Amino acid sequence: MQTAFDYIVLGAGSAGSIVAAELCKALPDSSVLLVEAGPKIAADENVIWDPTQWALVAQQGKWEWGYESVPQKNLNNRVIKIGRAKGLGGCAIHNAMVYVRGGYRGFDHWAASGNLGWSYKEVLPYFEKVEDTLLVTIAKSDPLIDALVAACRQQGIPYNANYNQNSDQVCIAPFQFAISPTHRRETSYSSFLPQTPPNLTVLTHCLIERIIIDNSQTARGVVLRDLANGTVREVSASQEVVLSAGTIGSPQLLMLSGVGDPDELAQFQIPVVSALPGVGKNFQDDLFVTAGFQSPQPLPPQPYGLMGTVIFANSTNHNPLLGTDLESSLATSSMAGMPGNLPKDSWYLYPNIQLLKSRGTVKLRSENPMDKPIIDPNFLDDPSDIQNCLDGLKLAMQIGNDTALSDWASEQLMPTQDDDLEAYIRQTADTCYHYAGTCKMGIDVDAVVTPDLKVRGVHNLRVIDASIIPTTVSGNTAAATMMIAMKGSELILQDT
């Protein structure tokens, strides 16, 4: 295999696939290596490509890293599964295919914090560029959804035909999914790299052990391990190394390469290349809570991985003019991957509580790149987060019990009337898989990358993925991650 390239992109997920595609397209005379620890996804792997099967993917270890959190003291010491996909396409092979740009206020906050060029107005063209290639389906309605729309209106939540065109508004709207017209899942890899460009080399089943950084603090290449036979080799990059391993993988690789908190690196005798205490800090995620209802009649069939509608709200004030911090998806008992003990014809509101204030960490377990990192989301550490969860759960219960849904909700199944709501949340709340922030972008002392996504203190090394998000926005992370990749690709090209 070739051992020298112009650019090396580490991670073939939602960000890395786009970066590799954009570099290959803009620089046809440059060579690009895209490295992925997981496999190529076969075209007949229906559990992945069939949108209705999405929840089964994360339940099968074949495409997962198998991560878990440390026990969460504020969630009754429960250990939370930390989903991270392994394969070409990254977490887009196991997510719910939801496409939400995110509330404009969140991006404007990035810019106001010193990240020039990252306001909503400035990132919007990159969302639109993603959408020129990624196939997005707007879900169709059904009688249950029509009743939900009526219930939301009675609760002061208006209808919005396109939430991505009217960002950050309290509303109920048709969900938008990364699903093709032929009803197949779309990932960044399948959409942006349907064929391999002649100047792109793709390595699968290949673990990145560390980034090679020389004495001039310049990234020169990477050390790779072939997971099939254990062979270790070095590959060089003449221009840049781009780290797109995600919110968990990117800080782990930086630390293994000597970029991080000196005190933590010293525990494993890793020489410090760049002292950046913020690496692995600032871990953010959303939590979801559940309100369940029994329907007295058969539920409509669901052609997507979730019901085809979504509710955006403000958990404490439902004024449509205010920004949102809650996104509620819905599901039915008959959907693939749902627990088998659910009552027939039951349905569930899942308020995703967003913009939480608690911050967690990703730390090394050892200096061995094969060892899983220590992940502590630190859920509900900030006292305001439990109140937001309570407010979101109460809103879901109000909607589900609204008179407009009387034909579809004869009984509230969960939480029960006897449940203490705070205790119920601490026992049942779970991750939304919306991880972000562990290599945050900024101009403060805790920032890991600059606003042009360059790792501080290291030349020719950038991080381009969800880990650079300084503060989460109200929405799923997939679309924002793809936007970051599109903008990040342009930032690289501006330096050529």
Protein backbone atom coordinates (compact mmCIF):
# COMPACT_ATOMS: atom_id res chain seq x y z
CA MET A 1 0.00 0.00 0.00
CA GLN A 2 1.03 3.59 -0.63
CA THR A 3 2.62 5.07 2.51
CA ALA A 4 2.68 8.78 1.64
CA PHE A 5 -0.30 11.03 0.96
CA ASP A 6 -1.02 14.74 0.81
CA TYR A 7 -3.94 14.58 3.23
CA ILE A 8 -5.00 11.98 5.78
CA VAL A 9 -8.56 12.02 7.15
CA LEU A 10 -9.07 9.97 10.30
CA GLY A 11 -12.61 8.63 10.58
CA ALA A 12 -15.13 7.96 7.78
CA GLY A 13 -18.20 9.17 9.62
CA SER A 14 -20.60 12.04 9.05
CA ALA A 15 -17.74 14.56 9.01
CA GLY A 16 -14.75 12.67 7.64
CA SER A 17 -16.58 11.32 4.60
CA ILE A 18 -17.50 14.84 3.53
CA VAL A 19 -14.00 16.21 4.16
CA ALA A 20 -12.44 13.45 2.06
CA ALA A 21 -14.97 13.94 -0.74
CA GLU A 22 -14.54 17.71 -0.84
CA LEU A 23 -10.73 17.53 -0.83
CA CYS A 24 -10.70 14.95 -3.62
CA LYS A 25 -13.08 17.01 -5.73
CA ALA A 26 -11.29 20.35 -5.27
CA LEU A 27 -7.74 18.96 -5.45
CA PRO A 28 -7.74 16.26 -8.15
CA ASP A 29 -3.93 16.19 -8.22
CA SER A 30 -3.67 15.62 -4.47
CA SER A 31 -3.82 12.23 -2.78
CA VAL A 32 -6.18 11.63 0.15
CA LEU A 33 -6.26 8.73 2.61
CA LEU A 34 -9.49 8.05 4.53
CA VAL A 35 -9.07 5.70 7.51
CA GLU A 36 -11.91 3.82 9.24
CA ALA A 37 -11.76 1.26 12.05
CA GLY A 38 -14.99 -0.43 10.99
CA PRO A 39 -16.09 -2.29 7.86
CA LYS A 40 -17.57 -1.28 4.56
CA ILE A 41 -21.35 -1.64 4.73
CA ALA A 42 -22.64 -4.07 2.12
CA ALA A 43 -25.43 -2.89 -0.18
CA ASP A 44 -27.64 -5.79 0.95
CA GLU A 45 -27.18 -5.11 4.69
CA ASN A 46 -30.87 -4.33 5.03
CA VAL A 47 -30.87 -3.81 8.79
CA ILE A 48 -28.81 -0.68 8.10
CA TRP A 49 -30.34 0.58 4.87
CA ASP A 50 -34.01 -0.06 5.75
CA PRO A 51 -35.13 3.05 7.72
CA THR A 52 -37.65 1.08 9.77
CA GLN A 53 -34.89 -1.14 11.21
CA TRP A 54 -32.63 1.63 12.52
CA ALA A 55 -33.03 0.89 16.24
CA LEU A 56 -31.79 -2.68 15.69
CA VAL A 57 -28.39 -1.54 14.40
CA ALA A 58 -27.19 -0.12 17.71
CA GLN A 59 -28.45 -3.25 19.46
CA GLN A 60 -26.12 -5.42 17.39
CA GLY A 61 -22.46 -5.28 18.38
CA LYS A 62 -21.22 -5.77 14.83
CA TRP A 63 -21.13 -2.04 14.08
CA GLU A 64 -20.54 -0.68 17.58
CA TRP A 65 -17.51 0.19 19.69
CA GLY A 66 -19.27 -1.15 22.78
CA TYR A 67 -18.74 1.87 25.01
CA GLU A 68 -20.41 2.47 28.36
CA SER A 69 -20.36 5.38 30.78
CA VAL A 70 -19.08 5.25 34.30
CA PRO A 71 -21.98 4.87 36.79
CA GLN A 72 -24.04 8.07 36.75
CA LYS A 73 -24.54 9.24 40.32
CA ASN A 74 -27.53 11.42 39.37
CA LEU A 75 -29.23 8.60 37.44
CA ASN A 76 -29.35 6.11 40.31
CA ASN A 77 -25.80 4.97 39.52
CA ARG A 78 -26.92 3.50 36.23
CA VAL A 79 -24.31 2.69 33.58
CA ILE A 80 -25.44 4.28 30.31
CA LYS A 81 -24.70 2.74 26.93
CA ILE A 82 -22.65 5.20 24.87
CA GLY A 83 -23.42 4.42 21.25
CA ARG A 84 -20.63 4.97 18.76
CA ALA A 85 -20.87 3.33 15.37
CA LYS A 86 -18.01 1.61 13.58
CA GLY A 87 -18.12 1.45 9.77
CA LEU A 88 -18.08 3.58 6.64
CA GLY A 89 -20.69 6.24 7.37
CA GLY A 90 -19.99 6.44 11.10
CA CYS A 91 -22.87 7.21 13.42
CA ALA A 92 -25.13 7.82 10.43
CA ILE A 93 -25.35 4.03 10.06
CA HIS A 94 -27.12 3.69 13.42
CA ASN A 95 -28.87 7.00 14.06
CA ALA A 96 -32.56 7.76 13.49
CA MET A 97 -31.75 9.61 10.23
CA VAL A 98 -33.20 12.83 11.64
CA TYR A 99 -32.06 15.99 9.84
CA VAL A 100 -32.35 19.13 11.99
CA ARG A 101 -30.07 22.09 11.31
CA GLY A 102 -30.51 23.39 14.85
CA GLY A 103 -31.71 26.65 16.30
CA TYR A 104 -30.08 29.78 14.92
CA ARG A 105 -29.54 31.23 18.39
CA GLY A 106 -27.03 28.50 19.18
CA PHE A 107 -24.79 29.31 16.21
CA ASP A 108 -25.06 33.03 16.89
CA HIS A 109 -23.85 32.27 20.42
CA TRP A 110 -20.77 30.56 18.94
CA ALA A 111 -19.94 33.70 16.97
CA ALA A 112 -20.62 36.01 19.92
CA SER A 113 -18.15 33.94 21.97
CA GLY A 114 -15.35 34.80 19.55
CA ASN A 115 -15.78 32.11 16.89
CA LEU A 116 -15.91 34.51 13.96
CA GLY A 117 -17.50 33.06 10.84
CA TRP A 118 -19.77 30.68 12.74
CA SER A 119 -23.00 32.69 13.10
CA TYR A 120 -26.14 31.11 11.69
CA LYS A 121 -26.13 33.47 8.71
CA GLU A 122 -22.54 32.48 7.98
CA VAL A 123 -22.98 28.70 8.37
CA LEU A 124 -26.30 28.54 6.48
CA PRO A 125 -24.61 28.26 3.04
CA TYR A 126 -22.77 25.17 4.26
CA PHE A 127 -26.00 23.53 5.42
CA GLU A 128 -27.45 24.28 2.00
CA LYS A 129 -24.39 22.83 0.31
CA VAL A 130 -24.83 19.62 2.33
CA GLU A 131 -28.48 19.53 1.30
CA ASP A 132 -27.52 19.84 -2.38
CA THR A 133 -26.14 16.29 -2.09
CA LEU A 134 -27.75 14.63 0.93
CA LEU A 135 -31.22 13.32 0.10
CA VAL A 136 -33.76 14.46 2.70
CA THR A 137 -37.37 13.24 2.93
CA ILE A 138 -40.11 15.28 4.60
CA ALA A 139 -42.40 12.84 6.39
CA LYS A 140 -46.07 12.42 5.51
CA SER A 141 -48.88 12.79 8.00
CA ASP A 142 -51.41 10.22 9.25
CA PRO A 143 -54.53 10.37 11.47
CA LEU A 144 -52.55 10.08 14.72
CA ILE A 145 -50.20 12.86 13.65
CA ASP A 146 -53.17 15.02 12.66
CA ALA A 147 -54.55 14.59 16.18
CA LEU A 148 -51.15 15.45 17.66
CA VAL A 149 -51.07 18.65 15.61
CA ALA A 150 -54.49 19.58 16.98
CA ALA A 151 -53.38 18.80 20.54
CA CYS A 152 -50.26 20.91 20.19
CA ARG A 153 -52.26 23.81 18.84
CA GLN A 154 -54.51 23.61 21.88
CA GLN A 155 -51.35 23.74 24.02
CA GLY A 156 -50.19 26.88 22.23
CA ILE A 157 -47.70 25.14 19.93
CA PRO A 158 -48.30 26.12 16.27
CA TYR A 159 -47.79 24.02 13.13
CA ASN A 160 -44.69 24.60 10.99
CA ALA A 161 -44.43 22.98 7.57
CA ASN A 162 -40.61 23.14 7.48
CA TYR A 163 -38.65 23.57 10.70
CA ASN A 164 -35.35 23.93 8.85
CA GLN A 165 -36.67 27.00 7.05
CA ASN A 166 -38.03 28.53 10.27
CA SER A 167 -35.24 27.74 12.68
CA ASP A 168 -35.58 27.78 16.46
CA GLN A 169 -39.34 28.22 16.52
CA VAL A 170 -41.67 26.50 18.96
CA CYS A 171 -43.78 24.27 16.70
CA ILE A 172 -44.98 20.83 15.69
CA ALA A 173 -43.73 19.89 12.25
CA PRO A 174 -43.19 17.01 9.83
CA PHE A 175 -39.91 15.28 10.63
CA GLN A 176 -37.14 15.48 8.03
CA PHE A 177 -35.12 12.31 7.54
CA ALA A 178 -31.94 11.47 5.62
CA ILE A 179 -33.86 8.93 3.57
CA SER A 180 -33.70 8.64 -0.22
CA PRO A 181 -36.72 8.60 -2.57
CA THR A 182 -36.15 4.84 -2.84
CA HIS A 183 -36.63 4.65 0.95
CA ARG A 184 -33.04 3.86 1.91
CA ARG A 185 -30.93 5.37 4.66
CA GLU A 186 -28.54 8.11 3.56
CA THR A 187 -25.12 8.58 5.18
CA SER A 188 -22.36 11.06 4.40
CA TYR A 189 -20.32 8.22 2.95
CA SER A 190 -23.09 6.81 0.74
CA SER A 191 -24.17 10.29 -0.41
CA PHE A 192 -20.85 12.07 -0.91
CA LEU A 193 -18.70 9.08 -1.89
CA PRO A 194 -21.01 6.82 -3.94
CA GLN A 195 -17.94 6.01 -6.04
CA THR A 196 -14.35 6.21 -4.86
CA PRO A 197 -12.50 9.07 -6.60
CA PRO A 198 -9.21 8.08 -8.27
CA ASN A 199 -7.21 10.20 -5.82
CA LEU A 200 -8.82 8.66 -2.71
CA THR A 201 -7.61 5.59 -0.83
CA VAL A 202 -10.00 4.14 1.75
CA LEU A 203 -8.71 1.87 4.51
CA THR A 204 -11.22 -0.10 6.58
CA HIS A 205 -10.64 -2.33 9.64
CA CYS A 206 -7.77 -0.02 10.52
CA LEU A 207 -7.27 1.46 14.00
CA ILE A 208 -5.53 4.82 14.36
CA GLU A 209 -3.00 4.41 17.17
CA ARG A 210 -1.64 7.95 17.25
CA ILE A 211 -0.78 11.00 15.20
CA ILE A 212 2.92 11.48 14.46
CA ILE A 213 3.98 14.97 15.58
CA ASP A 214 7.64 15.93 15.11
CA ASN A 215 9.92 18.17 17.19
CA SER A 216 8.69 21.26 15.35
CA GLN A 217 5.18 20.44 16.59
CA THR A 218 4.03 19.58 13.08
CA ALA A 219 1.72 16.66 12.29
CA ARG A 220 3.57 14.47 9.80
CA GLY A 221 1.40 11.37 9.62
CA VAL A 222 -0.22 8.59 11.61
CA VAL A 223 0.47 5.17 13.07
CA LEU A 224 -2.12 2.62 11.92
CA ARG A 225 -2.91 -0.91 13.08
CA ASP A 226 -4.53 -3.38 10.70
CA LEU A 227 -7.22 -4.99 12.84
CA ALA A 228 -7.31 -8.06 10.61
CA ASN A 229 -3.69 -9.14 11.12
CA GLY A 230 -2.27 -6.78 13.76
CA THR A 231 0.27 -5.19 11.42
CA VAL A 232 1.37 -1.70 12.50
CA ARG A 233 2.62 0.84 9.95
CA GLU A 234 3.31 4.53 9.58
CA VAL A 235 1.74 6.66 6.86
CA SER A 236 2.84 10.22 6.16
CA ALA A 237 0.89 13.35 5.20
CA SER A 238 2.67 16.17 3.37
CA GLN A 239 -0.10 18.75 3.87
CA GLU A 240 -2.53 18.08 6.73
CA VAL A 241 -3.89 15.45 9.06
CA VAL A 242 -7.61 15.88 9.70
CA LEU A 243 -9.05 14.28 12.83
CA SER A 244 -12.71 13.34 12.36
CA ALA A 245 -13.04 10.54 14.90
CA GLY A 246 -15.94 12.14 16.76
CA THR A 247 -16.64 13.40 20.25
CA ILE A 248 -15.12 10.30 21.87
CA GLY A 249 -12.47 9.26 19.38
CA SER A 250 -10.93 12.64 18.61
CA PRO A 251 -9.95 13.61 22.17
CA GLN A 252 -8.70 10.08 22.80
CA LEU A 253 -6.40 10.28 19.77
CA LEU A 254 -5.15 13.74 20.67
CA MET A 255 -4.23 12.56 24.15
CA LEU A 256 -2.53 9.42 22.82
CA SER A 257 -0.51 11.75 20.57
CA GLY A 258 0.61 14.03 23.40
CA VAL A 259 -1.99 16.76 23.05
CA GLY A 260 -3.99 17.31 26.22
CA ASP A 261 -3.88 18.01 29.93
CA PRO A 262 -0.25 17.52 31.07
CA ASP A 263 -1.32 16.07 34.41
CA GLU A 264 -3.47 13.43 32.74
CA LEU A 265 -0.82 12.58 30.14
CA ALA A 266 1.79 12.19 32.88
CA GLN A 267 -0.24 9.35 34.41
CA PHE A 268 0.62 7.26 31.33
CA GLN A 269 4.11 8.65 30.62
CA ILE A 270 2.91 10.26 27.37
CA PRO A 271 5.27 13.12 26.38
CA VAL A 272 3.46 16.45 26.11
CA VAL A 273 3.46 17.93 22.60
CA SER A 274 0.88 20.65 23.25
CA ALA A 275 -0.50 21.39 26.71
CA LEU A 276 -4.24 21.76 26.17
CA PRO A 277 -6.19 21.06 29.38
CA GLY A 278 -9.50 21.31 27.50
CA VAL A 279 -8.99 18.09 25.54
CA GLY A 280 -11.66 15.62 26.62
CA LYS A 281 -13.48 18.17 28.77
CA ASN A 282 -16.78 19.95 28.00
CA PHE A 283 -18.59 16.69 27.06
CA GLN A 284 -22.22 17.53 26.31
CA ASP A 285 -25.27 15.43 25.53
CA ASP A 286 -29.05 15.62 25.55
CA LEU A 287 -31.26 13.43 27.76
CA PHE A 288 -34.63 12.02 26.78
CA VAL A 289 -37.54 11.24 29.08
CA THR A 290 -40.63 9.19 28.21
CA ALA A 291 -44.39 9.64 28.39
CA GLY A 292 -46.39 6.64 27.14
CA PHE A 293 -50.05 6.26 26.16
CA GLN A 294 -52.41 3.42 25.28
CA SER A 295 -54.45 3.76 22.12
CA PRO A 296 -57.96 2.23 22.09
CA GLN A 297 -57.66 1.63 18.34
CA PRO A 298 -55.00 0.26 15.98
CA LEU A 299 -52.19 2.70 15.28
CA PRO A 300 -51.30 3.80 11.73
CA PRO A 301 -48.30 2.02 10.16
CA GLN A 302 -45.02 3.93 10.42
CA PRO A 303 -42.74 3.92 7.34
CA TYR A 304 -39.85 5.68 9.11
CA GLY A 305 -37.66 4.85 12.08
CA LEU A 306 -39.72 7.22 14.20
CA MET A 307 -43.19 8.67 13.79
CA GLY A 308 -43.22 11.30 11.07
CA THR A 309 -43.64 14.32 13.31
CA VAL A 310 -41.58 16.26 15.84
CA ILE A 311 -42.38 18.84 18.50
CA PHE A 312 -39.99 21.71 19.21
CA ALA A 313 -40.72 23.59 22.40
CA ASN A 314 -39.32 25.64 25.22
CA SER A 315 -39.57 23.49 28.31
CA THR A 316 -40.51 26.36 30.63
CA ASN A 317 -42.24 28.88 28.37
CA HIS A 318 -44.12 27.88 25.23
CA ASN A 319 -44.08 31.35 23.66
CA PRO A 320 -43.56 30.68 19.91
CA LEU A 321 -41.23 33.69 19.71
CA LEU A 322 -38.73 32.19 22.15
CA GLY A 323 -36.01 29.72 21.27
CA THR A 324 -36.36 25.99 21.83
CA ASP A 325 -34.62 23.66 24.26
CA LEU A 326 -36.77 20.57 23.76
CA GLU A 327 -37.29 18.33 20.74
CA SER A 328 -39.80 15.54 21.17
CA SER A 329 -39.78 12.56 18.86
CA LEU A 330 -42.47 9.87 18.95
CA ALA A 331 -42.58 6.12 18.46
CA THR A 332 -45.07 3.25 18.56
CA SER A 333 -44.84 -0.14 20.25
CA SER A 334 -44.75 -1.99 16.94
CA MET A 335 -41.57 -0.34 15.68
CA ALA A 336 -38.48 -2.50 15.27
CA GLY A 337 -36.16 -2.36 18.24
CA MET A 338 -38.78 -1.34 20.78
CA PRO A 339 -38.94 -3.43 23.99
CA GLY A 340 -41.00 -6.57 23.46
CA ASN A 341 -43.07 -6.14 26.62
CA LEU A 342 -44.83 -2.94 25.54
CA PRO A 343 -48.64 -3.06 25.25
CA LYS A 344 -49.96 -3.43 21.74
CA ASP A 345 -51.01 -0.14 20.12
CA SER A 346 -49.18 1.98 22.66
CA TRP A 347 -47.27 5.10 21.65
CA TYR A 348 -44.62 7.26 23.26
CA LEU A 349 -43.50 10.87 23.41
CA TYR A 350 -39.73 11.24 23.91
CA PRO A 351 -38.85 14.81 24.87
CA ASN A 352 -35.14 15.30 24.14
CA ILE A 353 -34.07 17.85 26.76
CA GLN A 354 -31.46 20.07 25.13
CA LEU A 355 -29.03 22.85 26.08
CA LEU A 356 -28.30 21.11 29.38
CA LYS A 357 -25.68 22.77 31.57
CA SER A 358 -23.94 19.69 32.94
CA ARG A 359 -20.52 18.92 31.48
CA GLY A 360 -18.70 15.59 31.38
CA THR A 361 -15.34 14.18 30.33
CA VAL A 362 -13.58 11.67 28.09
CA LYS A 363 -10.31 10.41 29.60
CA LEU A 364 -7.70 7.82 28.72
CA ARG A 365 -7.90 4.47 30.46
CA SER A 366 -4.30 3.74 29.54
CA GLU A 367 -1.68 4.55 26.92
CA ASN A 368 -2.92 1.57 24.87
CA PRO A 369 -5.04 2.76 21.90
CA MET A 370 -6.93 -0.54 22.01
CA ASP A 371 -8.34 0.29 25.45
CA LYS A 372 -11.72 1.99 25.64
CA PRO A 373 -11.65 5.52 27.06
CA ILE A 374 -13.32 6.43 30.35
CA ILE A 375 -16.53 8.29 29.54
CA ASP A 376 -18.38 10.30 32.17
CA PRO A 377 -21.29 12.35 30.79
CA ASN A 378 -21.91 13.64 34.33
CA PHE A 379 -25.65 13.80 33.64
CA LEU A 380 -27.80 16.09 35.82
CA ASP A 381 -24.80 17.49 37.66
CA ASP A 382 -26.21 21.00 37.26
CA PRO A 383 -29.39 21.35 39.35
CA SER A 384 -31.21 23.23 36.59
CA ASP A 385 -31.06 20.18 34.31
CA ILE A 386 -33.43 18.06 36.40
CA GLN A 387 -35.93 20.94 36.40
CA ASN A 388 -35.77 21.16 32.62
CA CYS A 389 -36.35 17.41 32.41
CA LEU A 390 -39.36 17.74 34.72
CA ASP A 391 -40.79 20.59 32.66
CA GLY A 392 -40.29 18.65 29.43
CA LEU A 393 -41.93 15.53 30.84
CA LYS A 394 -44.91 17.54 32.11
CA LEU A 395 -45.35 19.14 28.68
CA ALA A 396 -45.36 15.71 27.02
CA MET A 397 -47.99 14.52 29.49
CA GLN A 398 -50.13 17.59 28.81
CA ILE A 399 -49.97 17.01 25.07
CA GLY A 400 -50.70 13.28 25.34
CA ASN A 401 -53.69 13.90 27.60
CA ASP A 402 -55.13 16.73 25.49
CA THR A 403 -58.75 16.25 24.42
CA ALA A 404 -57.73 16.35 20.76
CA LEU A 405 -56.03 12.97 21.32
CA SER A 406 -58.92 11.30 23.14
CA ASP A 407 -59.44 8.84 20.27
CA TRP A 408 -55.78 7.81 20.49
CA ALA A 409 -55.02 7.96 24.22
CA SER A 410 -57.36 6.13 26.57
CA GLU A 411 -54.75 5.79 29.32
CA GLN A 412 -51.38 7.22 30.32
CA LEU A 413 -49.04 4.26 30.74
CA MET A 414 -45.92 6.04 31.93
CA PRO A 415 -45.20 7.68 34.20
CA THR A 416 -48.02 6.24 36.29
CA GLN A 417 -50.11 8.33 38.67
CA ASP A 418 -48.17 6.87 41.59
CA ASP A 419 -44.75 7.77 40.20
CA ASP A 420 -42.72 10.54 41.76
CA LEU A 421 -41.69 12.38 38.58
CA GLU A 422 -38.17 13.26 39.65
CA ALA A 423 -37.51 9.69 40.79
CA TYR A 424 -39.01 8.42 37.52
CA ILE A 425 -36.64 10.62 35.51
CA ARG A 426 -33.58 9.52 37.47
CA GLN A 427 -34.53 5.88 36.85
CA THR A 428 -35.51 6.11 33.16
CA ALA A 429 -33.84 9.12 31.47
CA ASP A 430 -31.29 8.10 28.85
CA THR A 431 -28.79 9.47 26.38
CA CYS A 432 -29.89 10.92 23.04
CA TYR A 433 -26.50 10.02 21.48
CA HIS A 434 -25.99 13.76 20.80
CA TYR A 435 -22.40 13.90 22.04
CA ALA A 436 -20.39 17.08 21.44
CA GLY A 437 -17.80 19.48 22.75
CA THR A 438 -14.69 17.53 23.82
CA CYS A 439 -12.30 19.39 21.46
CA LYS A 440 -14.12 22.66 21.63
CA MET A 441 -13.58 25.53 19.25
CA GLY A 442 -12.86 28.92 20.76
CA ILE A 443 -10.47 31.66 21.76
CA ASP A 444 -10.40 30.99 25.52
CA VAL A 445 -7.83 29.01 27.49
CA ASP A 446 -9.96 25.85 27.43
CA ALA A 447 -10.32 25.84 23.64
CA VAL A 448 -8.70 22.94 21.79
CA VAL A 449 -9.09 24.27 18.26
CA THR A 450 -9.17 27.79 16.85
CA PRO A 451 -12.16 29.08 14.84
CA ASP A 452 -10.45 27.73 11.70
CA LEU A 453 -10.39 24.30 13.42
CA LYS A 454 -6.61 24.10 13.81
CA VAL A 455 -5.35 22.33 16.92
CA ARG A 456 -3.67 24.89 19.13
CA GLY A 457 0.07 24.41 19.37
CA VAL A 458 0.31 21.89 16.50
CA HIS A 459 0.87 22.66 12.82
CA ASN A 460 -0.94 20.84 10.00
CA LEU A 461 -3.53 19.27 12.30
CA ARG A 462 -7.24 20.07 12.44
CA VAL A 463 -10.24 18.57 14.16
CA ILE A 464 -13.40 18.55 12.05
CA ASP A 465 -16.34 16.82 13.72
CA ALA A 466 -18.93 17.28 16.50
CA SER A 467 -16.23 17.46 19.15
CA ILE A 468 -15.43 21.08 18.16
CA ILE A 469 -18.94 22.27 19.06
CA PRO A 470 -18.39 24.72 21.94
CA THR A 471 -22.00 24.67 23.15
CA THR A 472 -24.73 22.48 21.74
CA VAL A 473 -27.54 23.89 19.64
CA SER A 474 -31.20 22.94 19.90
CA GLY A 475 -31.37 20.00 17.53
CA ASN A 476 -29.80 16.66 16.68
CA THR A 477 -26.06 16.82 16.04
CA ALA A 478 -25.92 15.02 12.67
CA ALA A 479 -26.79 17.99 10.44
CA ALA A 480 -24.52 20.37 12.35
CA THR A 481 -21.68 17.86 12.08
CA MET A 482 -22.09 17.69 8.31
CA MET A 483 -22.16 21.49 8.11
CA ILE A 484 -18.95 21.64 10.17
CA ALA A 485 -17.35 19.20 7.72
CA MET A 486 -18.40 21.26 4.72
CA LYS A 487 -17.14 24.51 6.24
CA GLY A 488 -14.01 22.81 7.56
CA SER A 489 -13.20 21.51 4.09
CA GLU A 490 -13.35 25.05 2.75
CA LEU A 491 -11.07 26.26 5.53
CA ILE A 492 -8.49 23.65 4.48
CA LEU A 493 -8.79 24.66 0.83
CA GLN A 494 -8.31 28.33 1.70
CA ASP A 495 -4.85 27.40 3.01
CA THR A 496 -3.76 25.56 -0.13
